Amino acid sequence: MMKVALVLLFAAYASGCGTPTHKPSVSRVVNGEDARPYSWPWQISLQYFSGYKYHHTCGGTLLAPNWIMTAGHCIGPRTYRVVLGEYDLTKEESYEQIRSVEKIVVHPGWDDNCLSCGNDIALIKLSSPAELNDKVQPSCVPESEEIPSHHFPCYITGWGRIYSGGPIASKLQQALLPVIGHSICSTSNWWGSYVKPTMICAGGDIQSGCHGDSGGPLNCAGVDGRWYVQGVTSFVSAQGCNTIMKPTVFTRTSSFTKWISDTMLQY
């Protein structure tokens, strides 16, 4: 019965998921490039209130009109809002949709004191549904336990720091991050035991995520031509965002498909 409910839930959004009106310019946010405006329409900016204004803290992915997926470590005792249809954080471009938060559900297995233990995922229910249009659309969710193959070309998107210790990007960035198979990424000279089977590695060296990209999507094209959010940006090396043999580590979405479905159905 649960499997039927899960299929029905995601099928409800399948016809319009992962098919951006403004096609991404997929070429190669550290050592990345400005994304084509609104070409990743499920990308959101998670912002917190401090000092009389809101500040970008993490990325996230629109899964359904009223549900956002982000990282567990992005959530704390703050007042949050979600901005959809965002491109340049420094400008009001009239396409933004701002939503307050009705509920935040952090995975019960997430431990703030153990990032490498996994379960770094959270869902945010919006106070009112997003208005879907050519600039705001949901991403597709992969089937349970689906894993992109080694060297599969995926893209990270976000407004993270443009280099270690540097400023966050003003315009949405993208970078090509080929998947690094778990059998390689978990070896001792790579990430070793820090990387669990419920995680996925991608990129490394000059191309990687950085602070501020957390919670955002790892976008991978499916055989059906749609884009799927295969990962949630989780952590990078303490040595720097673009460290050799220390690729960006993501929570693997397909390890949590059932939890995502159960949570969305429950609330």
C-alpha atoms as a PDB file:
ATOM      1  CA  MET A   1       0.000   0.000   0.000  1.00  0.00           C
ATOM      2  CA  MET A   2       2.857   2.373   0.865  1.00  0.00           C
ATOM      3  CA  LYS A   3       4.499   1.698  -2.497  1.00  0.00           C
ATOM      4  CA  VAL A   4       1.256   2.545  -4.286  1.00  0.00           C
ATOM      5  CA  ALA A   5       0.950   5.800  -2.328  1.00  0.00           C
ATOM      6  CA  LEU A   6       4.566   6.684  -3.130  1.00  0.00           C
ATOM      7  CA  VAL A   7       4.055   6.068  -6.834  1.00  0.00           C
ATOM      8  CA  LEU A   8       0.852   8.112  -6.878  1.00  0.00           C
ATOM      9  CA  LEU A   9       2.463  10.976  -4.962  1.00  0.00           C
ATOM     10  CA  PHE A  10       5.368  11.449  -7.338  1.00  0.00           C
ATOM     11  CA  ALA A  11       3.270  10.616 -10.406  1.00  0.00           C
ATOM     12  CA  ALA A  12       1.109  13.622  -9.508  1.00  0.00           C
ATOM     13  CA  TYR A  13       4.049  15.896 -10.322  1.00  0.00           C
ATOM     14  CA  ALA A  14       5.839  13.728 -12.892  1.00  0.00           C
ATOM     15  CA  SER A  15       4.265  15.253 -15.979  1.00  0.00           C
ATOM     16  CA  GLY A  16       5.796  18.637 -15.215  1.00  0.00           C
ATOM     17  CA  CYS A  17       8.944  17.766 -13.275  1.00  0.00           C
ATOM     18  CA  GLY A  18      12.508  18.143 -14.450  1.00  0.00           C
ATOM     19  CA  THR A  19      11.694  19.872 -17.740  1.00  0.00           C
ATOM     20  CA  PRO A  20      12.841  23.502 -17.560  1.00  0.00           C
ATOM     21  CA  THR A  21      11.345  25.932 -20.041  1.00  0.00           C
ATOM     22  CA  HIS A  22      14.681  27.766 -20.177  1.00  0.00           C
ATOM     23  CA  LYS A  23      17.107  24.969 -21.040  1.00  0.00           C
ATOM     24  CA  PRO A  24      20.351  24.849 -19.035  1.00  0.00           C
ATOM     25  CA  SER A  25      23.556  25.737 -20.820  1.00  0.00           C
ATOM     26  CA  VAL A  26      25.241  22.544 -19.704  1.00  0.00           C
ATOM     27  CA  SER A  27      28.990  23.030 -19.996  1.00  0.00           C
ATOM     28  CA  ARG A  28      31.293  23.242 -16.638  1.00  0.00           C
ATOM     29  CA  VAL A  29      29.962  26.974  -7.322  1.00  0.00           C
ATOM     30  CA  VAL A  30      33.917  26.821  -7.493  1.00  0.00           C
ATOM     31  CA  ASN A  31      35.459  27.282 -10.942  1.00  0.00           C
ATOM     32  CA  GLY A  32      31.956  27.032 -12.366  1.00  0.00           C
ATOM     33  CA  GLU A  33      30.016  29.579 -14.360  1.00  0.00           C
ATOM     34  CA  ASP A  34      26.897  31.704 -14.250  1.00  0.00           C
ATOM     35  CA  ALA A  35      23.890  29.542 -14.940  1.00  0.00           C
ATOM     36  CA  ARG A  36      21.478  30.550 -17.678  1.00  0.00           C
ATOM     37  CA  PRO A  37      18.758  32.542 -15.853  1.00  0.00           C
ATOM     38  CA  TYR A  38      15.888  30.327 -14.623  1.00  0.00           C
ATOM     39  CA  SER A  39      17.291  27.203 -16.274  1.00  0.00           C
ATOM     40  CA  TRP A  40      17.242  25.348 -12.933  1.00  0.00           C
ATOM     41  CA  PRO A  41      13.703  26.370 -11.887  1.00  0.00           C
ATOM     42  CA  TRP A  42      13.575  24.053  -8.863  1.00  0.00           C
ATOM     43  CA  GLN A  43      16.574  25.753  -7.226  1.00  0.00           C
ATOM     44  CA  ILE A  44      15.557  27.803  -4.176  1.00  0.00           C
ATOM     45  CA  SER A  45      17.373  30.087  -1.745  1.00  0.00           C
ATOM     46  CA  LEU A  46      16.822  29.249   1.918  1.00  0.00           C
ATOM     47  CA  GLN A  47      17.197  32.431   3.938  1.00  0.00           C
ATOM     48  CA  TYR A  48      17.242  33.244   7.652  1.00  0.00           C
ATOM     49  CA  PHE A  49      16.249  36.442   9.452  1.00  0.00           C
ATOM     50  CA  SER A  50      18.943  38.409  11.283  1.00  0.00           C
ATOM     51  CA  GLY A  51      19.662  42.101  11.765  1.00  0.00           C
ATOM     52  CA  TYR A  52      16.331  43.261  10.350  1.00  0.00           C
ATOM     53  CA  LYS A  53      16.753  41.406   7.064  1.00  0.00           C
ATOM     54  CA  TYR A  54      17.042  37.972   5.484  1.00  0.00           C
ATOM     55  CA  HIS A  55      20.323  36.341   4.440  1.00  0.00           C
ATOM     56  CA  HIS A  56      21.000  33.430   2.092  1.00  0.00           C
ATOM     57  CA  THR A  57      22.278  30.406   3.979  1.00  0.00           C
ATOM     58  CA  CYS A  58      21.592  27.298   1.882  1.00  0.00           C
ATOM     59  CA  GLY A  59      20.122  26.002  -1.313  1.00  0.00           C
ATOM     60  CA  GLY A  60      17.264  23.595  -1.752  1.00  0.00           C
ATOM     61  CA  THR A  61      15.084  21.865  -4.327  1.00  0.00           C
ATOM     62  CA  LEU A  62      11.400  22.278  -5.084  1.00  0.00           C
ATOM     63  CA  LEU A  63       9.876  18.778  -5.145  1.00  0.00           C
ATOM     64  CA  ALA A  64       6.203  19.737  -5.189  1.00  0.00           C
ATOM     65  CA  PRO A  65       4.331  23.074  -5.074  1.00  0.00           C
ATOM     66  CA  ASN A  66       4.500  23.183  -1.277  1.00  0.00           C
ATOM     67  CA  TRP A  67       7.558  21.040  -0.461  1.00  0.00           C
ATOM     68  CA  ILE A  68      11.281  21.859  -0.476  1.00  0.00           C
ATOM     69  CA  MET A  69      14.167  19.456   0.126  1.00  0.00           C
ATOM     70  CA  THR A  70      17.370  20.717   1.735  1.00  0.00           C
ATOM     71  CA  ALA A  71      20.135  19.483   4.063  1.00  0.00           C
ATOM     72  CA  GLY A  72      19.582  18.715   7.729  1.00  0.00           C
ATOM     73  CA  HIS A  73      22.644  20.752   8.707  1.00  0.00           C
ATOM     74  CA  CYS A  74      21.041  23.848   7.144  1.00  0.00           C
ATOM     75  CA  ILE A  75      18.328  23.873   9.802  1.00  0.00           C
ATOM     76  CA  GLY A  76      18.673  25.510  13.212  1.00  0.00           C
ATOM     77  CA  PRO A  77      16.743  27.672  15.698  1.00  0.00           C
ATOM     78  CA  ARG A  78      16.144  30.505  13.231  1.00  0.00           C
ATOM     79  CA  THR A  79      13.298  32.123  11.356  1.00  0.00           C
ATOM     80  CA  TYR A  80      13.432  31.007   7.743  1.00  0.00           C
ATOM     81  CA  ARG A  81      11.867  31.866   4.443  1.00  0.00           C
ATOM     82  CA  VAL A  82      12.150  30.310   0.999  1.00  0.00           C
ATOM     83  CA  VAL A  83      12.708  32.321  -2.172  1.00  0.00           C
ATOM     84  CA  LEU A  84      11.719  30.650  -5.438  1.00  0.00           C
ATOM     85  CA  GLY A  85      12.336  32.026  -8.924  1.00  0.00           C
ATOM     86  CA  GLU A  86      15.583  33.595  -7.705  1.00  0.00           C
ATOM     87  CA  TYR A  87      18.610  34.254  -9.912  1.00  0.00           C
ATOM     88  CA  ASP A  88      20.607  37.282  -8.722  1.00  0.00           C
ATOM     89  CA  LEU A  89      20.590  37.581  -4.935  1.00  0.00           C
ATOM     90  CA  THR A  90      21.548  41.251  -5.125  1.00  0.00           C
ATOM     91  CA  LYS A  91      18.594  42.317  -7.253  1.00  0.00           C
ATOM     92  CA  GLU A  92      14.817  42.201  -7.184  1.00  0.00           C
ATOM     93  CA  GLU A  93      13.930  40.872 -10.601  1.00  0.00           C
ATOM     94  CA  SER A  94      10.141  40.659 -10.076  1.00  0.00           C
ATOM     95  CA  TYR A  95      10.032  36.877 -10.675  1.00  0.00           C
ATOM     96  CA  GLU A  96      10.817  35.915  -7.090  1.00  0.00           C
ATOM     97  CA  GLN A  97       8.211  34.150  -5.009  1.00  0.00           C
ATOM     98  CA  ILE A  98       8.715  34.454  -1.262  1.00  0.00           C
ATOM     99  CA  ARG A  99       7.140  31.904   1.051  1.00  0.00           C
ATOM    100  CA  SER A 100       7.219  31.581   4.806  1.00  0.00           C
ATOM    101  CA  VAL A 101       7.634  28.151   6.363  1.00  0.00           C
ATOM    102  CA  GLU A 102       4.767  26.110   7.780  1.00  0.00           C
ATOM    103  CA  LYS A 103       6.759  23.115   8.953  1.00  0.00           C
ATOM    104  CA  ILE A 104      10.315  21.764   8.890  1.00  0.00           C
ATOM    105  CA  VAL A 105      10.935  18.021   9.164  1.00  0.00           C
ATOM    106  CA  VAL A 106      14.568  17.033   9.697  1.00  0.00           C
ATOM    107  CA  HIS A 107      15.370  13.361   9.193  1.00  0.00           C
ATOM    108  CA  PRO A 108      15.222  11.662  12.621  1.00  0.00           C
ATOM    109  CA  GLY A 109      18.602  10.028  11.995  1.00  0.00           C
ATOM    110  CA  TRP A 110      20.399  13.338  11.475  1.00  0.00           C
ATOM    111  CA  ASP A 111      23.010  14.173  14.118  1.00  0.00           C
ATOM    112  CA  ASP A 112      24.445  17.717  14.191  1.00  0.00           C
ATOM    113  CA  ASN A 113      27.590  16.372  15.816  1.00  0.00           C
ATOM    114  CA  CYS A 114      28.269  13.726  13.165  1.00  0.00           C
ATOM    115  CA  LEU A 115      28.049  15.036   9.621  1.00  0.00           C
ATOM    116  CA  SER A 116      29.687  11.895   8.229  1.00  0.00           C
ATOM    117  CA  CYS A 117      27.066   9.673   9.895  1.00  0.00           C
ATOM    118  CA  GLY A 118      24.661  10.556   7.096  1.00  0.00           C
ATOM    119  CA  ASN A 119      20.930  11.317   7.011  1.00  0.00           C
ATOM    120  CA  ASP A 120      21.743  14.945   6.175  1.00  0.00           C
ATOM    121  CA  ILE A 121      18.345  15.757   4.718  1.00  0.00           C
ATOM    122  CA  ALA A 122      15.300  17.817   5.664  1.00  0.00           C
ATOM    123  CA  LEU A 123      11.956  18.740   4.143  1.00  0.00           C
ATOM    124  CA  ILE A 124      10.293  22.136   4.385  1.00  0.00           C
ATOM    125  CA  LYS A 125       6.563  22.606   3.909  1.00  0.00           C
ATOM    126  CA  LEU A 126       5.720  26.053   2.583  1.00  0.00           C
ATOM    127  CA  SER A 127       2.976  28.158   4.145  1.00  0.00           C
ATOM    128  CA  SER A 128       1.333  28.372   0.720  1.00  0.00           C
ATOM    129  CA  PRO A 129       2.084  26.518  -2.527  1.00  0.00           C
ATOM    130  CA  ALA A 130       4.452  27.979  -5.084  1.00  0.00           C
ATOM    131  CA  GLU A 131       2.928  29.225  -8.303  1.00  0.00           C
ATOM    132  CA  LEU A 132       4.388  27.031 -11.020  1.00  0.00           C
ATOM    133  CA  ASN A 133       5.443  28.861 -14.165  1.00  0.00           C
ATOM    134  CA  ASP A 134       8.401  29.004 -16.568  1.00  0.00           C
ATOM    135  CA  LYS A 135      10.714  30.129 -13.743  1.00  0.00           C
ATOM    136  CA  VAL A 136       9.443  27.949 -10.898  1.00  0.00           C
ATOM    137  CA  GLN A 137       9.079  24.208 -11.530  1.00  0.00           C
ATOM    138  CA  PRO A 138       9.734  21.024  -9.522  1.00  0.00           C
ATOM    139  CA  SER A 139      12.616  18.636 -10.083  1.00  0.00           C
ATOM    140  CA  CYS A 140      11.999  14.931 -10.546  1.00  0.00           C
ATOM    141  CA  VAL A 141      12.768  12.528  -7.674  1.00  0.00           C
ATOM    142  CA  PRO A 142      14.703   9.363  -8.576  1.00  0.00           C
ATOM    143  CA  GLU A 143      13.336   5.901  -7.926  1.00  0.00           C
ATOM    144  CA  SER A 144      14.341   4.278  -4.665  1.00  0.00           C
ATOM    145  CA  GLU A 145      17.986   3.088  -4.620  1.00  0.00           C
ATOM    146  CA  GLU A 146      18.726   4.381  -8.126  1.00  0.00           C
ATOM    147  CA  ILE A 147      22.450   5.261  -8.337  1.00  0.00           C
ATOM    148  CA  PRO A 148      24.096   7.194 -11.184  1.00  0.00           C
ATOM    149  CA  SER A 149      27.080   5.353 -12.633  1.00  0.00           C
ATOM    150  CA  HIS A 150      30.732   6.315 -12.164  1.00  0.00           C
ATOM    151  CA  HIS A 151      31.649   9.411 -14.229  1.00  0.00           C
ATOM    152  CA  PHE A 152      27.986  10.129 -14.981  1.00  0.00           C
ATOM    153  CA  PRO A 153      27.794  13.886 -15.782  1.00  0.00           C
ATOM    154  CA  CYS A 154      25.755  15.773 -13.177  1.00  0.00           C
ATOM    155  CA  TYR A 155      25.596  19.452 -12.266  1.00  0.00           C
ATOM    156  CA  ILE A 156      25.716  21.234  -8.941  1.00  0.00           C
ATOM    157  CA  THR A 157      23.903  24.553  -8.683  1.00  0.00           C
ATOM    158  CA  GLY A 158      23.912  27.212  -5.993  1.00  0.00           C
ATOM    159  CA  TRP A 159      25.052  30.577  -4.685  1.00  0.00           C
ATOM    160  CA  GLY A 160      27.912  29.194  -2.596  1.00  0.00           C
ATOM    161  CA  ARG A 161      31.298  30.818  -2.132  1.00  0.00           C
ATOM    162  CA  ILE A 162      33.126  31.206  -5.424  1.00  0.00           C
ATOM    163  CA  TYR A 163      36.307  29.936  -3.736  1.00  0.00           C
ATOM    164  CA  SER A 164      37.300  28.774  -0.253  1.00  0.00           C
ATOM    165  CA  GLY A 165      36.889  31.688   2.153  1.00  0.00           C
ATOM    166  CA  GLY A 166      35.617  33.933  -0.642  1.00  0.00           C
ATOM    167  CA  PRO A 167      32.303  35.761  -1.069  1.00  0.00           C
ATOM    168  CA  ILE A 168      29.106  33.991  -2.014  1.00  0.00           C
ATOM    169  CA  ALA A 169      28.042  34.302  -5.628  1.00  0.00           C
ATOM    170  CA  SER A 170      25.433  36.891  -6.521  1.00  0.00           C
ATOM    171  CA  LYS A 171      24.167  35.040  -9.600  1.00  0.00           C
ATOM    172  CA  LEU A 172      23.231  31.362  -9.550  1.00  0.00           C
ATOM    173  CA  GLN A 173      26.255  29.224 -10.427  1.00  0.00           C
ATOM    174  CA  GLN A 174      26.529  25.800 -12.020  1.00  0.00           C
ATOM    175  CA  ALA A 175      29.399  23.351 -12.434  1.00  0.00           C
ATOM    176  CA  LEU A 176      29.755  19.973 -14.074  1.00  0.00           C
ATOM    177  CA  LEU A 177      30.514  17.365 -11.392  1.00  0.00           C
ATOM    178  CA  PRO A 178      30.987  13.826 -12.728  1.00  0.00           C
ATOM    179  CA  VAL A 179      29.867  11.172 -10.251  1.00  0.00           C
ATOM    180  CA  ILE A 180      32.619   9.299  -8.416  1.00  0.00           C
ATOM    181  CA  GLY A 181      31.574   5.718  -7.712  1.00  0.00           C
ATOM    182  CA  HIS A 182      31.234   4.738  -4.042  1.00  0.00           C
ATOM    183  CA  SER A 183      33.835   1.983  -4.430  1.00  0.00           C
ATOM    184  CA  ILE A 184      36.391   4.651  -5.349  1.00  0.00           C
ATOM    185  CA  CYS A 185      35.233   7.523  -3.130  1.00  0.00           C
ATOM    186  CA  SER A 186      35.258   5.323  -0.028  1.00  0.00           C
ATOM    187  CA  THR A 187      38.874   4.201  -0.446  1.00  0.00           C
ATOM    188  CA  SER A 188      41.393   5.399   2.127  1.00  0.00           C
ATOM    189  CA  ASN A 189      43.134   7.961  -0.094  1.00  0.00           C
ATOM    190  CA  TRP A 190      39.779   9.505  -1.047  1.00  0.00           C
ATOM    191  CA  TRP A 191      37.071   9.995   1.606  1.00  0.00           C
ATOM    192  CA  GLY A 192      37.430   6.593   3.254  1.00  0.00           C
ATOM    193  CA  SER A 193      34.838   5.686   5.891  1.00  0.00           C
ATOM    194  CA  TYR A 194      33.469   9.239   5.957  1.00  0.00           C
ATOM    195  CA  VAL A 195      31.398   8.328   2.893  1.00  0.00           C
ATOM    196  CA  LYS A 196      28.474   6.027   3.591  1.00  0.00           C
ATOM    197  CA  PRO A 197      26.452   4.021   1.041  1.00  0.00           C
ATOM    198  CA  THR A 198      23.616   6.533   1.495  1.00  0.00           C
ATOM    199  CA  MET A 199      25.852   9.270   0.075  1.00  0.00           C
ATOM    200  CA  ILE A 200      27.067  10.091  -3.419  1.00  0.00           C
ATOM    201  CA  CYS A 201      30.356  11.758  -4.405  1.00  0.00           C
ATOM    202  CA  ALA A 202      30.808  14.015  -7.407  1.00  0.00           C
ATOM    203  CA  GLY A 203      33.486  16.303  -8.814  1.00  0.00           C
ATOM    204  CA  GLY A 204      36.703  17.027  -6.957  1.00  0.00           C
ATOM    205  CA  ASP A 205      39.888  18.951  -7.754  1.00  0.00           C
ATOM    206  CA  ILE A 206      38.985  22.238  -9.509  1.00  0.00           C
ATOM    207  CA  GLN A 207      35.238  21.656  -9.667  1.00  0.00           C
ATOM    208  CA  SER A 208      33.212  21.381  -6.488  1.00  0.00           C
ATOM    209  CA  GLY A 209      30.561  22.817  -4.271  1.00  0.00           C
ATOM    210  CA  CYS A 210      31.428  25.264  -1.513  1.00  0.00           C
ATOM    211  CA  HIS A 211      29.939  26.815   1.613  1.00  0.00           C
ATOM    212  CA  GLY A 212      26.517  28.228   0.776  1.00  0.00           C
ATOM    213  CA  ASP A 213      25.774  25.506  -1.778  1.00  0.00           C
ATOM    214  CA  SER A 214      24.689  23.205   1.061  1.00  0.00           C
ATOM    215  CA  GLY A 215      21.211  21.766   0.701  1.00  0.00           C
ATOM    216  CA  GLY A 216      21.113  22.425  -3.030  1.00  0.00           C
ATOM    217  CA  PRO A 217      20.673  19.806  -5.734  1.00  0.00           C
ATOM    218  CA  LEU A 218      22.957  17.519  -7.660  1.00  0.00           C
ATOM    219  CA  ASN A 219      21.138  17.610 -10.999  1.00  0.00           C
ATOM    220  CA  CYS A 220      21.436  14.562 -13.247  1.00  0.00           C
ATOM    221  CA  ALA A 221      19.631  13.992 -16.551  1.00  0.00           C
ATOM    222  CA  GLY A 222      17.591  10.812 -16.849  1.00  0.00           C
ATOM    223  CA  VAL A 223      17.210   8.592 -19.895  1.00  0.00           C
ATOM    224  CA  ASP A 224      13.775  10.190 -20.339  1.00  0.00           C
ATOM    225  CA  GLY A 225      15.386  13.599 -20.822  1.00  0.00           C
ATOM    226  CA  ARG A 226      14.145  14.944 -17.486  1.00  0.00           C
ATOM    227  CA  TRP A 227      16.358  16.268 -14.690  1.00  0.00           C
ATOM    228  CA  TYR A 228      16.448  14.376 -11.399  1.00  0.00           C
ATOM    229  CA  VAL A 229      17.756  15.605  -8.061  1.00  0.00           C
ATOM    230  CA  GLN A 230      20.097  12.716  -7.292  1.00  0.00           C
ATOM    231  CA  GLY A 231      21.781  14.396  -4.338  1.00  0.00           C
ATOM    232  CA  VAL A 232      21.531  17.032  -1.603  1.00  0.00           C
ATOM    233  CA  THR A 233      24.788  18.958  -1.110  1.00  0.00           C
ATOM    234  CA  SER A 234      26.180  17.883   2.265  1.00  0.00           C
ATOM    235  CA  PHE A 235      29.902  18.527   2.837  1.00  0.00           C
ATOM    236  CA  VAL A 236      33.302  19.340   1.331  1.00  0.00           C
ATOM    237  CA  SER A 237      36.837  18.926   2.617  1.00  0.00           C
ATOM    238  CA  ALA A 238      38.054  21.015   5.552  1.00  0.00           C
ATOM    239  CA  GLN A 239      41.196  21.571   3.466  1.00  0.00           C
ATOM    240  CA  GLY A 240      39.216  23.591   0.965  1.00  0.00           C
ATOM    241  CA  CYS A 241      36.295  23.358  -1.406  1.00  0.00           C
ATOM    242  CA  ASN A 242      38.336  22.146  -4.372  1.00  0.00           C
ATOM    243  CA  THR A 243      40.697  19.564  -2.899  1.00  0.00           C
ATOM    244  CA  ILE A 244      42.080  16.720  -5.018  1.00  0.00           C
ATOM    245  CA  MET A 245      40.471  13.341  -4.250  1.00  0.00           C
ATOM    246  CA  LYS A 246      38.018  15.021  -1.884  1.00  0.00           C
ATOM    247  CA  PRO A 247      34.960  15.472  -4.101  1.00  0.00           C
ATOM    248  CA  THR A 248      31.776  17.119  -2.899  1.00  0.00           C
ATOM    249  CA  VAL A 249      29.659  14.689  -0.888  1.00  0.00           C
ATOM    250  CA  PHE A 250      25.893  14.627  -1.269  1.00  0.00           C
ATOM    251  CA  THR A 251      23.101  12.876   0.565  1.00  0.00           C
ATOM    252  CA  ARG A 252      21.877  10.339  -2.007  1.00  0.00           C
ATOM    253  CA  THR A 253      18.235  11.194  -2.631  1.00  0.00           C
ATOM    254  CA  SER A 254      17.286   7.687  -3.734  1.00  0.00           C
ATOM    255  CA  SER A 255      18.225   6.356  -0.280  1.00  0.00           C
ATOM    256  CA  PHE A 256      15.457   8.504   1.184  1.00  0.00           C
ATOM    257  CA  THR A 257      12.686   8.260  -1.422  1.00  0.00           C
ATOM    258  CA  LYS A 258      10.396   6.386   0.985  1.00  0.00           C
ATOM    259  CA  TRP A 259      11.066   8.839   3.828  1.00  0.00           C
ATOM    260  CA  ILE A 260      10.381  11.790   1.503  1.00  0.00           C
ATOM    261  CA  SER A 261       7.116  10.231   0.358  1.00  0.00           C
ATOM    262  CA  ASP A 262       6.015   9.264   3.873  1.00  0.00           C
ATOM    263  CA  THR A 263       6.742  12.754   5.201  1.00  0.00           C
ATOM    264  CA  MET A 264       4.911  14.545   2.399  1.00  0.00           C
ATOM    265  CA  LEU A 265       1.898  12.246   2.824  1.00  0.00           C
ATOM    266  CA  GLN A 266       1.883  12.645   6.612  1.00  0.00           C
ATOM    267  CA  TYR A 267       1.882  16.445   6.623  1.00  0.00           C
END
